[in-house]
Amino acid sequence: MDQRPTVADLAHLIAIELGGNWRPQQAYYGPKALDYAATLTHLDGRQLHLSERFDDPGHLHIRGVFPVTDYPFRRGERDSVRVAAGEDPADIAALISDDLIPVHRDVHERVKEHNREQAETRRSVEEVARDLSARLPGARTRIDGTSAYVYINLEPGEVRIGLDGEAVNIALNDAPRIIADAVVFAVSRFLPHVQTPEGEHGYVDGYIL
């Protein structure tokens, strides 16, 4: 009796049909090889994941793999294809080429560009937060992705300067008005796009907008 081919076996045959730019890889869970999963990796770094799910035996589910991201995926950008595992590898490869790869290639590039922009924003926010913190005595800084917070403990009271991309807000918690004005003045000189109380905006619920 012939042994049923594993998903890794099928991935190898499909890779041959897709051409020389795709490489099949066995999937592992720790040191253990998985018979029901494999990966196809393109020379440019894109990947396709192939698996036979426990709730759908006898069928391959093939989907594009993306880098870790907070990119806002829209409908259709992470679709997969489902085929019978016994289909001709050439037919499976043709389906992948026609229905999966074009969308995955375009979305994969958008995800990478989004990640590059987020990384640049993160670096910029971190630099501004640390420079601002260094200019304000007793300030401490917390970085959270593309957002950062600079805290000044006034005992009593606190000033919190929030940086979210290019947006800035200043929260005043029981801070004396003269101290708050001084902090706002200092921040407005370091970050000229922040409105001060003398500008067209002012204090609203403890925030300067």
N, C-alpha and C. Protein backbone atom coordinates (compact mmCIF):
# COMPACT_ATOMS: atom_id res chain seq x y z
N MET A 1 0.84 -1.20 0.00
CA MET A 1 0.00 0.00 0.00
C MET A 1 0.88 1.25 0.00
N ASP A 2 0.63 2.16 -0.96
CA ASP A 2 1.43 3.37 -1.05
C ASP A 2 1.16 4.28 0.14
N GLN A 3 2.26 4.87 0.64
CA GLN A 3 2.12 5.80 1.75
C GLN A 3 1.61 7.13 1.23
N ARG A 4 0.67 7.73 1.95
CA ARG A 4 0.11 9.02 1.56
C ARG A 4 1.17 10.10 1.67
N PRO A 5 1.34 10.96 0.66
CA PRO A 5 2.36 12.00 0.73
C PRO A 5 2.04 13.01 1.83
N THR A 6 3.07 13.48 2.47
CA THR A 6 2.90 14.50 3.49
C THR A 6 2.72 15.86 2.81
N VAL A 7 2.32 16.86 3.60
CA VAL A 7 2.20 18.21 3.06
C VAL A 7 3.56 18.71 2.58
N ALA A 8 4.63 18.32 3.27
CA ALA A 8 5.97 18.70 2.83
C ALA A 8 6.29 18.10 1.47
N ASP A 9 5.87 16.86 1.24
CA ASP A 9 6.06 16.23 -0.07
C ASP A 9 5.32 17.03 -1.14
N LEU A 10 4.07 17.39 -0.86
CA LEU A 10 3.28 18.15 -1.82
C LEU A 10 3.89 19.53 -2.05
N ALA A 11 4.40 20.15 -0.99
CA ALA A 11 5.02 21.47 -1.13
C ALA A 11 6.20 21.40 -2.09
N HIS A 12 6.98 20.33 -2.02
CA HIS A 12 8.11 20.17 -2.92
C HIS A 12 7.65 20.09 -4.37
N LEU A 13 6.61 19.31 -4.63
CA LEU A 13 6.10 19.17 -5.99
C LEU A 13 5.49 20.47 -6.50
N ILE A 14 4.79 21.18 -5.61
CA ILE A 14 4.18 22.46 -6.00
C ILE A 14 5.26 23.49 -6.29
N ALA A 15 6.33 23.49 -5.49
CA ALA A 15 7.43 24.44 -5.70
C ALA A 15 8.06 24.24 -7.07
N ILE A 16 8.20 22.99 -7.48
CA ILE A 16 8.76 22.70 -8.81
C ILE A 16 7.88 23.32 -9.89
N GLU A 17 6.56 23.20 -9.74
CA GLU A 17 5.64 23.74 -10.73
C GLU A 17 5.61 25.27 -10.72
N LEU A 18 5.84 25.86 -9.55
CA LEU A 18 5.84 27.32 -9.45
C LEU A 18 7.10 27.93 -10.05
N GLY A 19 8.15 27.15 -10.20
CA GLY A 19 9.38 27.66 -10.77
C GLY A 19 10.48 27.74 -9.73
N GLY A 20 11.66 28.19 -10.17
CA GLY A 20 12.84 28.14 -9.34
C GLY A 20 12.93 29.18 -8.25
N ASN A 21 11.97 30.11 -8.17
CA ASN A 21 12.06 31.17 -7.16
C ASN A 21 11.46 30.78 -5.81
N TRP A 22 10.83 29.62 -5.75
CA TRP A 22 10.18 29.19 -4.50
C TRP A 22 10.90 27.97 -3.94
N ARG A 23 11.09 27.98 -2.61
CA ARG A 23 11.77 26.87 -1.94
C ARG A 23 10.84 26.26 -0.90
N PRO A 24 10.64 24.94 -0.95
CA PRO A 24 9.80 24.28 0.06
C PRO A 24 10.57 24.08 1.35
N GLN A 25 9.88 24.20 2.47
CA GLN A 25 10.49 24.00 3.78
C GLN A 25 9.55 23.20 4.66
N GLN A 26 10.09 22.21 5.32
CA GLN A 26 9.33 21.43 6.29
C GLN A 26 8.96 22.30 7.48
N ALA A 27 7.75 22.18 7.97
CA ALA A 27 7.35 22.91 9.18
C ALA A 27 7.71 22.08 10.40
N TYR A 28 8.09 22.78 11.47
CA TYR A 28 8.49 22.11 12.70
C TYR A 28 7.76 22.71 13.89
N TYR A 29 7.55 21.89 14.89
CA TYR A 29 7.12 22.36 16.19
C TYR A 29 8.21 21.97 17.16
N GLY A 30 9.09 22.94 17.48
CA GLY A 30 10.30 22.60 18.20
C GLY A 30 11.16 21.72 17.31
N PRO A 31 11.65 20.60 17.82
CA PRO A 31 12.47 19.70 16.99
C PRO A 31 11.63 18.73 16.15
N LYS A 32 10.33 18.72 16.36
CA LYS A 32 9.47 17.72 15.71
C LYS A 32 8.98 18.21 14.35
N ALA A 33 9.22 17.41 13.32
CA ALA A 33 8.71 17.72 11.98
C ALA A 33 7.20 17.48 11.94
N LEU A 34 6.48 18.37 11.29
CA LEU A 34 5.03 18.26 11.18
C LEU A 34 4.66 17.74 9.80
N ASP A 35 3.92 16.64 9.77
CA ASP A 35 3.50 16.06 8.49
C ASP A 35 2.42 16.88 7.82
N TYR A 36 1.71 17.70 8.60
CA TYR A 36 0.53 18.37 8.07
C TYR A 36 0.76 19.85 7.71
N ALA A 37 2.03 20.31 7.73
CA ALA A 37 2.28 21.72 7.43
C ALA A 37 3.63 21.89 6.76
N ALA A 38 3.72 22.89 5.90
CA ALA A 38 4.97 23.22 5.22
C ALA A 38 4.90 24.67 4.77
N THR A 39 6.04 25.17 4.32
CA THR A 39 6.13 26.57 3.89
C THR A 39 6.84 26.64 2.55
N LEU A 40 6.36 27.54 1.70
CA LEU A 40 7.05 27.88 0.47
C LEU A 40 7.62 29.28 0.64
N THR A 41 8.93 29.42 0.45
CA THR A 41 9.60 30.70 0.64
C THR A 41 10.16 31.19 -0.69
N HIS A 42 9.77 32.41 -1.07
CA HIS A 42 10.27 33.02 -2.30
C HIS A 42 11.65 33.61 -2.05
N LEU A 43 12.43 33.79 -3.11
CA LEU A 43 13.77 34.35 -2.96
C LEU A 43 13.74 35.78 -2.42
N ASP A 44 12.62 36.49 -2.61
CA ASP A 44 12.53 37.87 -2.08
C ASP A 44 12.03 37.92 -0.64
N GLY A 45 11.79 36.76 -0.03
CA GLY A 45 11.40 36.70 1.37
C GLY A 45 9.92 36.43 1.62
N ARG A 46 9.07 36.55 0.59
CA ARG A 46 7.66 36.24 0.79
C ARG A 46 7.49 34.75 1.10
N GLN A 47 6.41 34.45 1.85
CA GLN A 47 6.17 33.06 2.21
C GLN A 47 4.70 32.69 2.04
N LEU A 48 4.48 31.43 1.70
CA LEU A 48 3.15 30.83 1.66
C LEU A 48 3.14 29.66 2.64
N HIS A 49 2.07 29.55 3.39
CA HIS A 49 1.95 28.47 4.37
C HIS A 49 0.93 27.47 3.86
N LEU A 50 1.30 26.20 3.87
CA LEU A 50 0.43 25.11 3.44
C LEU A 50 0.13 24.22 4.65
N SER A 51 -1.13 23.86 4.81
CA SER A 51 -1.47 22.99 5.93
C SER A 51 -2.70 22.17 5.62
N GLU A 52 -2.77 21.02 6.26
CA GLU A 52 -3.98 20.18 6.24
C GLU A 52 -4.57 20.27 7.64
N ARG A 53 -5.73 20.89 7.74
CA ARG A 53 -6.33 21.13 9.05
C ARG A 53 -7.02 19.88 9.57
N PHE A 54 -7.04 19.80 10.90
CA PHE A 54 -7.67 18.63 11.53
C PHE A 54 -9.17 18.59 11.24
N ASP A 55 -9.78 19.77 11.07
CA ASP A 55 -11.22 19.79 10.81
C ASP A 55 -11.56 19.71 9.33
N ASP A 56 -10.53 19.54 8.48
CA ASP A 56 -10.77 19.45 7.04
C ASP A 56 -9.75 18.51 6.41
N PRO A 57 -9.76 17.22 6.81
CA PRO A 57 -8.76 16.28 6.29
C PRO A 57 -8.91 16.08 4.78
N GLY A 58 -7.76 15.86 4.13
CA GLY A 58 -7.77 15.62 2.69
C GLY A 58 -7.72 16.88 1.85
N HIS A 59 -7.62 18.03 2.50
CA HIS A 59 -7.56 19.29 1.76
C HIS A 59 -6.38 20.13 2.23
N LEU A 60 -5.82 20.86 1.29
CA LEU A 60 -4.75 21.81 1.60
C LEU A 60 -5.34 23.20 1.73
N HIS A 61 -4.93 23.90 2.77
CA HIS A 61 -5.26 25.32 2.92
C HIS A 61 -3.96 26.10 2.72
N ILE A 62 -3.95 27.00 1.78
CA ILE A 62 -2.74 27.72 1.43
C ILE A 62 -3.01 29.21 1.60
N ARG A 63 -2.16 29.87 2.36
CA ARG A 63 -2.34 31.30 2.64
C ARG A 63 -1.00 32.01 2.63
N GLY A 64 -1.05 33.32 2.40
CA GLY A 64 0.15 34.12 2.44
C GLY A 64 0.54 34.44 3.88
N VAL A 65 1.82 34.52 4.13
CA VAL A 65 2.35 34.86 5.45
C VAL A 65 2.83 36.31 5.41
N PHE A 66 2.60 37.05 6.50
CA PHE A 66 2.99 38.45 6.58
C PHE A 66 3.89 38.68 7.79
N PRO A 67 4.74 39.71 7.72
CA PRO A 67 5.53 40.07 8.91
C PRO A 67 4.61 40.51 10.05
N VAL A 68 5.13 40.48 11.27
CA VAL A 68 4.38 41.00 12.41
C VAL A 68 4.07 42.46 12.16
N THR A 69 2.82 42.86 12.30
CA THR A 69 2.42 44.21 11.91
C THR A 69 1.12 44.61 12.58
N ASP A 70 0.86 45.93 12.61
CA ASP A 70 -0.45 46.43 12.99
C ASP A 70 -1.14 47.05 11.77
N TYR A 71 -0.69 46.66 10.59
CA TYR A 71 -1.31 47.12 9.35
C TYR A 71 -2.81 46.76 9.37
N PRO A 72 -3.68 47.70 9.00
CA PRO A 72 -5.13 47.43 9.05
C PRO A 72 -5.59 46.64 7.82
N PHE A 73 -5.50 45.34 7.91
CA PHE A 73 -5.90 44.50 6.78
C PHE A 73 -7.37 44.71 6.44
N ARG A 74 -7.65 44.75 5.14
CA ARG A 74 -9.02 44.88 4.65
C ARG A 74 -9.49 43.55 4.09
N ARG A 75 -10.78 43.48 3.85
CA ARG A 75 -11.36 42.23 3.33
C ARG A 75 -10.65 41.84 2.03
N GLY A 76 -10.31 40.57 1.94
CA GLY A 76 -9.69 40.04 0.74
C GLY A 76 -8.18 40.08 0.73
N GLU A 77 -7.58 40.80 1.71
CA GLU A 77 -6.13 40.93 1.70
C GLU A 77 -5.41 39.76 2.36
N ARG A 78 -6.17 38.93 3.09
CA ARG A 78 -5.55 37.75 3.73
C ARG A 78 -6.32 36.48 3.36
N ASP A 79 -6.87 36.45 2.17
CA ASP A 79 -7.61 35.27 1.75
C ASP A 79 -6.68 34.07 1.55
N SER A 80 -7.26 32.89 1.60
CA SER A 80 -6.51 31.66 1.35
C SER A 80 -7.21 30.88 0.25
N VAL A 81 -6.53 29.86 -0.25
CA VAL A 81 -7.15 28.96 -1.22
C VAL A 81 -7.21 27.57 -0.61
N ARG A 82 -8.22 26.80 -1.00
CA ARG A 82 -8.44 25.46 -0.47
C ARG A 82 -8.54 24.51 -1.65
N VAL A 83 -7.75 23.44 -1.62
CA VAL A 83 -7.75 22.48 -2.72
C VAL A 83 -7.69 21.07 -2.13
N ALA A 84 -8.14 20.11 -2.90
CA ALA A 84 -8.01 18.72 -2.49
C ALA A 84 -6.54 18.33 -2.56
N ALA A 85 -6.07 17.66 -1.52
CA ALA A 85 -4.67 17.27 -1.45
C ALA A 85 -4.28 16.34 -2.59
N GLY A 86 -5.26 15.64 -3.18
CA GLY A 86 -4.96 14.71 -4.25
C GLY A 86 -4.91 15.33 -5.63
N GLU A 87 -5.16 16.63 -5.72
CA GLU A 87 -5.12 17.27 -7.04
C GLU A 87 -3.71 17.28 -7.60
N ASP A 88 -3.65 17.41 -8.93
CA ASP A 88 -2.35 17.46 -9.59
C ASP A 88 -1.57 18.69 -9.09
N PRO A 89 -0.31 18.51 -8.70
CA PRO A 89 0.48 19.65 -8.23
C PRO A 89 0.54 20.81 -9.22
N ALA A 90 0.50 20.50 -10.50
CA ALA A 90 0.52 21.56 -11.52
C ALA A 90 -0.75 22.40 -11.44
N ASP A 91 -1.88 21.74 -11.20
CA ASP A 91 -3.15 22.49 -11.08
C ASP A 91 -3.16 23.33 -9.79
N ILE A 92 -2.61 22.77 -8.70
CA ILE A 92 -2.54 23.53 -7.45
C ILE A 92 -1.65 24.75 -7.64
N ALA A 93 -0.51 24.56 -8.30
CA ALA A 93 0.41 25.67 -8.54
C ALA A 93 -0.25 26.75 -9.40
N ALA A 94 -1.03 26.34 -10.40
CA ALA A 94 -1.72 27.31 -11.25
C ALA A 94 -2.73 28.11 -10.45
N LEU A 95 -3.45 27.45 -9.55
CA LEU A 95 -4.42 28.14 -8.70
C LEU A 95 -3.72 29.14 -7.78
N ILE A 96 -2.60 28.73 -7.22
CA ILE A 96 -1.84 29.63 -6.35
C ILE A 96 -1.36 30.84 -7.13
N SER A 97 -0.84 30.60 -8.32
CA SER A 97 -0.31 31.68 -9.16
C SER A 97 -1.39 32.67 -9.56
N ASP A 98 -2.58 32.16 -9.86
CA ASP A 98 -3.65 33.02 -10.35
C ASP A 98 -4.43 33.71 -9.24
N ASP A 99 -4.71 32.98 -8.14
CA ASP A 99 -5.66 33.48 -7.14
C ASP A 99 -5.03 33.96 -5.84
N LEU A 100 -3.79 33.60 -5.58
CA LEU A 100 -3.21 33.94 -4.28
C LEU A 100 -1.99 34.85 -4.39
N ILE A 101 -1.04 34.49 -5.23
CA ILE A 101 0.23 35.21 -5.26
C ILE A 101 0.08 36.69 -5.63
N PRO A 102 -0.72 37.06 -6.65
CA PRO A 102 -0.77 38.50 -7.01
C PRO A 102 -1.24 39.39 -5.86
N VAL A 103 -2.31 38.99 -5.17
CA VAL A 103 -2.81 39.80 -4.05
C VAL A 103 -1.81 39.79 -2.90
N HIS A 104 -1.29 38.61 -2.60
CA HIS A 104 -0.33 38.51 -1.49
C HIS A 104 0.91 39.35 -1.75
N ARG A 105 1.40 39.36 -2.97
CA ARG A 105 2.59 40.14 -3.30
C ARG A 105 2.33 41.64 -3.07
N ASP A 106 1.18 42.13 -3.53
CA ASP A 106 0.87 43.55 -3.37
C ASP A 106 0.67 43.93 -1.90
N VAL A 107 -0.09 43.11 -1.17
CA VAL A 107 -0.37 43.41 0.24
C VAL A 107 0.90 43.27 1.07
N HIS A 108 1.72 42.29 0.74
CA HIS A 108 2.98 42.10 1.46
C HIS A 108 3.85 43.35 1.35
N GLU A 109 3.87 43.97 0.17
CA GLU A 109 4.65 45.19 -0.01
C GLU A 109 4.05 46.35 0.78
N ARG A 110 2.71 46.42 0.82
CA ARG A 110 2.07 47.47 1.61
C ARG A 110 2.36 47.29 3.11
N VAL A 111 2.37 46.05 3.56
CA VAL A 111 2.67 45.77 4.96
C VAL A 111 4.10 46.19 5.29
N LYS A 112 5.05 45.85 4.42
CA LYS A 112 6.44 46.24 4.66
C LYS A 112 6.60 47.75 4.68
N GLU A 113 5.91 48.45 3.78
CA GLU A 113 6.00 49.91 3.75
C GLU A 113 5.37 50.50 5.02
N HIS A 114 4.23 49.94 5.43
CA HIS A 114 3.60 50.38 6.68
C HIS A 114 4.55 50.18 7.86
N ASN A 115 5.20 49.03 7.92
CA ASN A 115 6.13 48.76 9.02
C ASN A 115 7.32 49.71 8.99
N ARG A 116 7.80 50.04 7.77
CA ARG A 116 8.92 50.99 7.67
C ARG A 116 8.50 52.36 8.19
N GLU A 117 7.30 52.79 7.82
CA GLU A 117 6.81 54.09 8.29
C GLU A 117 6.61 54.10 9.80
N GLN A 118 6.06 53.00 10.34
CA GLN A 118 5.87 52.91 11.78
C GLN A 118 7.20 52.93 12.52
N ALA A 119 8.19 52.24 11.95
CA ALA A 119 9.50 52.20 12.59
C ALA A 119 10.13 53.60 12.60
N GLU A 120 9.97 54.34 11.50
CA GLU A 120 10.51 55.69 11.44
C GLU A 120 9.79 56.60 12.43
N THR A 121 8.46 56.47 12.51
CA THR A 121 7.70 57.26 13.48
C THR A 121 8.14 56.92 14.90
N ARG A 122 8.34 55.64 15.17
CA ARG A 122 8.76 55.20 16.51
C ARG A 122 10.12 55.79 16.87
N ARG A 123 11.05 55.76 15.93
CA ARG A 123 12.38 56.33 16.20
C ARG A 123 12.28 57.83 16.45
N SER A 124 11.45 58.52 15.66
CA SER A 124 11.29 59.97 15.81
C SER A 124 10.68 60.32 17.16
N VAL A 125 9.62 59.59 17.55
CA VAL A 125 8.95 59.84 18.82
C VAL A 125 9.90 59.58 19.99
N GLU A 126 10.65 58.49 19.92
CA GLU A 126 11.60 58.17 20.99
C GLU A 126 12.65 59.27 21.13
N GLU A 127 13.14 59.75 19.99
CA GLU A 127 14.17 60.80 20.04
C GLU A 127 13.62 62.08 20.64
N VAL A 128 12.40 62.49 20.20
CA VAL A 128 11.81 63.71 20.73
C VAL A 128 11.53 63.57 22.23
N ALA A 129 10.98 62.42 22.64
CA ALA A 129 10.64 62.21 24.04
C ALA A 129 11.89 62.27 24.92
N ARG A 130 12.95 61.63 24.49
CA ARG A 130 14.16 61.61 25.31
C ARG A 130 14.82 62.99 25.35
N ASP A 131 14.81 63.70 24.22
CA ASP A 131 15.37 65.05 24.21
C ASP A 131 14.55 65.98 25.10
N LEU A 132 13.22 65.85 24.99
CA LEU A 132 12.34 66.69 25.81
C LEU A 132 12.52 66.38 27.29
N SER A 133 12.61 65.10 27.62
CA SER A 133 12.79 64.68 29.01
C SER A 133 14.09 65.23 29.58
N ALA A 134 15.14 65.26 28.74
CA ALA A 134 16.44 65.76 29.21
C ALA A 134 16.40 67.25 29.51
N ARG A 135 15.46 67.97 28.90
CA ARG A 135 15.37 69.41 29.09
C ARG A 135 14.46 69.79 30.27
N LEU A 136 13.72 68.83 30.81
CA LEU A 136 12.79 69.12 31.89
C LEU A 136 13.27 68.43 33.16
N PRO A 137 13.68 69.17 34.16
CA PRO A 137 14.22 68.57 35.39
C PRO A 137 13.24 67.60 36.04
N GLY A 138 13.74 66.42 36.39
CA GLY A 138 12.93 65.43 37.08
C GLY A 138 11.96 64.66 36.21
N ALA A 139 12.03 64.87 34.90
CA ALA A 139 11.08 64.18 34.01
C ALA A 139 11.48 62.72 33.82
N ARG A 140 10.49 61.88 33.60
CA ARG A 140 10.74 60.48 33.27
C ARG A 140 9.94 60.14 32.02
N THR A 141 10.39 59.15 31.29
CA THR A 141 9.85 58.85 29.97
C THR A 141 9.38 57.40 29.89
N ARG A 142 8.25 57.20 29.21
CA ARG A 142 7.78 55.84 28.89
C ARG A 142 7.46 55.77 27.41
N ILE A 143 8.04 54.80 26.73
CA ILE A 143 7.84 54.61 25.29
C ILE A 143 6.89 53.45 25.08
N ASP A 144 5.89 53.65 24.23
CA ASP A 144 4.92 52.59 23.93
C ASP A 144 4.63 52.60 22.43
N GLY A 145 5.46 51.88 21.68
CA GLY A 145 5.28 51.83 20.23
C GLY A 145 5.55 53.19 19.60
N THR A 146 4.55 53.73 18.88
CA THR A 146 4.70 55.04 18.25
C THR A 146 4.23 56.16 19.17
N SER A 147 3.95 55.83 20.42
CA SER A 147 3.56 56.83 21.41
C SER A 147 4.61 56.90 22.51
N ALA A 148 4.69 58.06 23.13
CA ALA A 148 5.61 58.23 24.25
C ALA A 148 4.98 59.19 25.25
N TYR A 149 5.38 59.05 26.50
CA TYR A 149 4.86 59.89 27.57
C TYR A 149 6.02 60.41 28.42
N VAL A 150 5.99 61.70 28.66
CA VAL A 150 6.98 62.33 29.54
C VAL A 150 6.22 62.83 30.76
N TYR A 151 6.62 62.37 31.93
CA TYR A 151 5.94 62.71 33.18
C TYR A 151 6.83 63.62 34.03
N ILE A 152 6.19 64.61 34.66
CA ILE A 152 6.88 65.47 35.62
C ILE A 152 6.05 65.47 36.90
N ASN A 153 6.62 64.94 37.96
CA ASN A 153 5.94 64.88 39.26
C ASN A 153 6.22 66.17 40.02
N LEU A 154 5.14 66.91 40.34
CA LEU A 154 5.29 68.21 40.97
C LEU A 154 5.09 68.16 42.49
N GLU A 155 4.52 67.09 43.01
CA GLU A 155 4.32 66.87 44.45
C GLU A 155 3.75 68.11 45.16
N PRO A 156 2.48 68.40 45.17
CA PRO A 156 1.45 67.59 44.52
C PRO A 156 1.31 67.96 43.04
N GLY A 157 0.58 67.13 42.36
CA GLY A 157 0.30 67.38 40.96
C GLY A 157 1.28 66.70 40.03
N GLU A 158 0.88 66.63 38.78
CA GLU A 158 1.69 65.98 37.77
C GLU A 158 1.39 66.59 36.41
N VAL A 159 2.40 66.66 35.57
CA VAL A 159 2.23 67.05 34.17
C VAL A 159 2.58 65.85 33.32
N ARG A 160 1.71 65.53 32.37
CA ARG A 160 2.00 64.42 31.44
C ARG A 160 1.98 64.96 30.03
N ILE A 161 3.07 64.77 29.32
CA ILE A 161 3.18 65.19 27.93
C ILE A 161 3.10 63.93 27.07
N GLY A 162 2.06 63.83 26.25
CA GLY A 162 1.88 62.67 25.41
C GLY A 162 2.27 62.96 23.97
N LEU A 163 3.06 62.08 23.38
CA LEU A 163 3.47 62.19 21.98
C LEU A 163 2.92 60.98 21.24
N ASP A 164 2.10 61.22 20.24
CA ASP A 164 1.51 60.13 19.45
C ASP A 164 1.72 60.47 17.98
N GLY A 165 2.82 59.94 17.41
CA GLY A 165 3.19 60.35 16.07
C GLY A 165 3.56 61.82 16.10
N GLU A 166 2.85 62.65 15.30
CA GLU A 166 3.09 64.08 15.29
C GLU A 166 2.14 64.83 16.23
N ALA A 167 1.19 64.11 16.85
CA ALA A 167 0.24 64.75 17.76
C ALA A 167 0.85 64.86 19.16
N VAL A 168 0.56 65.96 19.84
CA VAL A 168 1.07 66.20 21.18
C VAL A 168 -0.08 66.67 22.06
N ASN A 169 -0.16 66.15 23.28
CA ASN A 169 -1.11 66.70 24.25
C ASN A 169 -0.43 66.79 25.60
N ILE A 170 -0.89 67.73 26.41
CA ILE A 170 -0.33 67.95 27.74
C ILE A 170 -1.46 67.85 28.75
N ALA A 171 -1.37 66.91 29.65
CA ALA A 171 -2.37 66.73 30.70
C ALA A 171 -1.82 67.31 31.99
N LEU A 172 -2.65 68.13 32.66
CA LEU A 172 -2.26 68.78 33.90
C LEU A 172 -3.13 68.24 35.03
N ASN A 173 -2.51 67.60 36.00
CA ASN A 173 -3.24 67.00 37.12
C ASN A 173 -2.85 67.73 38.40
N ASP A 174 -3.75 68.62 38.86
CA ASP A 174 -3.49 69.39 40.08
C ASP A 174 -2.20 70.19 40.03
N ALA A 175 -1.82 70.61 38.82
CA ALA A 175 -0.59 71.38 38.69
C ALA A 175 -0.86 72.86 38.91
N PRO A 176 -0.06 73.56 39.71
CA PRO A 176 -0.22 75.00 39.86
C PRO A 176 -0.15 75.70 38.50
N ARG A 177 -1.00 76.68 38.30
CA ARG A 177 -1.09 77.34 37.01
C ARG A 177 0.26 77.92 36.56
N ILE A 178 1.02 78.50 37.46
CA ILE A 178 2.28 79.10 37.06
C ILE A 178 3.28 78.04 36.56
N ILE A 179 3.24 76.83 37.23
CA ILE A 179 4.11 75.75 36.78
C ILE A 179 3.63 75.20 35.45
N ALA A 180 2.31 75.05 35.33
CA ALA A 180 1.75 74.54 34.08
C ALA A 180 2.11 75.45 32.91
N ASP A 181 1.98 76.77 33.13
CA ASP A 181 2.31 77.71 32.06
C ASP A 181 3.78 77.62 31.69
N ALA A 182 4.63 77.42 32.69
CA ALA A 182 6.07 77.32 32.41
C ALA A 182 6.38 76.07 31.59
N VAL A 183 5.71 74.96 31.93
CA VAL A 183 5.93 73.72 31.18
C VAL A 183 5.44 73.89 29.75
N VAL A 184 4.26 74.49 29.60
CA VAL A 184 3.70 74.70 28.26
C VAL A 184 4.64 75.58 27.44
N PHE A 185 5.17 76.63 28.06
CA PHE A 185 6.08 77.53 27.37
C PHE A 185 7.32 76.77 26.90
N ALA A 186 7.89 75.95 27.79
CA ALA A 186 9.09 75.19 27.44
C ALA A 186 8.82 74.21 26.31
N VAL A 187 7.68 73.50 26.41
CA VAL A 187 7.35 72.52 25.38
C VAL A 187 7.09 73.20 24.05
N SER A 188 6.40 74.36 24.08
CA SER A 188 6.07 75.05 22.83
C SER A 188 7.31 75.57 22.13
N ARG A 189 8.38 75.84 22.91
CA ARG A 189 9.62 76.28 22.27
C ARG A 189 10.37 75.09 21.68
N PHE A 190 10.26 73.94 22.32
CA PHE A 190 10.93 72.75 21.81
C PHE A 190 10.13 72.10 20.68
N LEU A 191 8.78 72.19 20.78
CA LEU A 191 7.88 71.63 19.77
C LEU A 191 7.00 72.78 19.28
N PRO A 192 7.43 73.56 18.30
CA PRO A 192 6.74 74.78 17.90
C PRO A 192 5.31 74.58 17.43
N HIS A 193 4.93 73.35 16.98
CA HIS A 193 3.57 73.16 16.49
C HIS A 193 2.56 72.98 17.62
N VAL A 194 3.02 72.95 18.89
CA VAL A 194 2.10 72.84 20.02
C VAL A 194 1.51 74.22 20.30
N GLN A 195 0.18 74.32 20.42
CA GLN A 195 -0.47 75.59 20.74
C GLN A 195 -0.32 75.90 22.23
N THR A 196 0.00 77.16 22.54
CA THR A 196 0.08 77.60 23.93
C THR A 196 -1.22 78.29 24.29
N PRO A 197 -1.46 78.60 25.58
CA PRO A 197 -2.70 79.25 25.97
C PRO A 197 -2.92 80.59 25.27
N GLU A 198 -1.83 81.24 24.81
CA GLU A 198 -1.99 82.52 24.12
C GLU A 198 -2.44 82.32 22.66
N GLY A 199 -2.42 81.08 22.18
CA GLY A 199 -2.81 80.81 20.80
C GLY A 199 -4.31 80.71 20.67
N GLU A 200 -4.76 80.15 19.58
CA GLU A 200 -6.19 80.08 19.33
C GLU A 200 -6.87 79.00 20.16
N HIS A 201 -6.08 78.08 20.73
CA HIS A 201 -6.61 77.04 21.60
C HIS A 201 -6.19 77.34 23.03
N GLY A 202 -6.81 76.66 23.99
CA GLY A 202 -6.44 76.86 25.39
C GLY A 202 -6.72 75.61 26.18
N TYR A 203 -6.90 75.79 27.47
CA TYR A 203 -7.15 74.65 28.35
C TYR A 203 -8.56 74.09 28.14
N VAL A 204 -8.67 72.81 27.93
CA VAL A 204 -9.96 72.14 27.81
C VAL A 204 -9.88 70.86 28.60
N ASP A 205 -10.63 70.80 29.69
CA ASP A 205 -10.64 69.61 30.54
C ASP A 205 -9.23 69.19 30.94
N GLY A 206 -8.40 70.17 31.26
CA GLY A 206 -7.05 69.84 31.71
C GLY A 206 -6.07 69.56 30.59
N TYR A 207 -6.48 69.70 29.33
CA TYR A 207 -5.58 69.45 28.22
C TYR A 207 -5.33 70.72 27.45
N ILE A 208 -4.17 70.80 26.86
CA ILE A 208 -3.90 71.85 25.88
C ILE A 208 -3.94 71.18 24.52
N LEU A 209 -4.79 71.65 23.62
CA LEU A 209 -5.03 70.98 22.34
C LEU A 209 -4.33 71.73 21.21
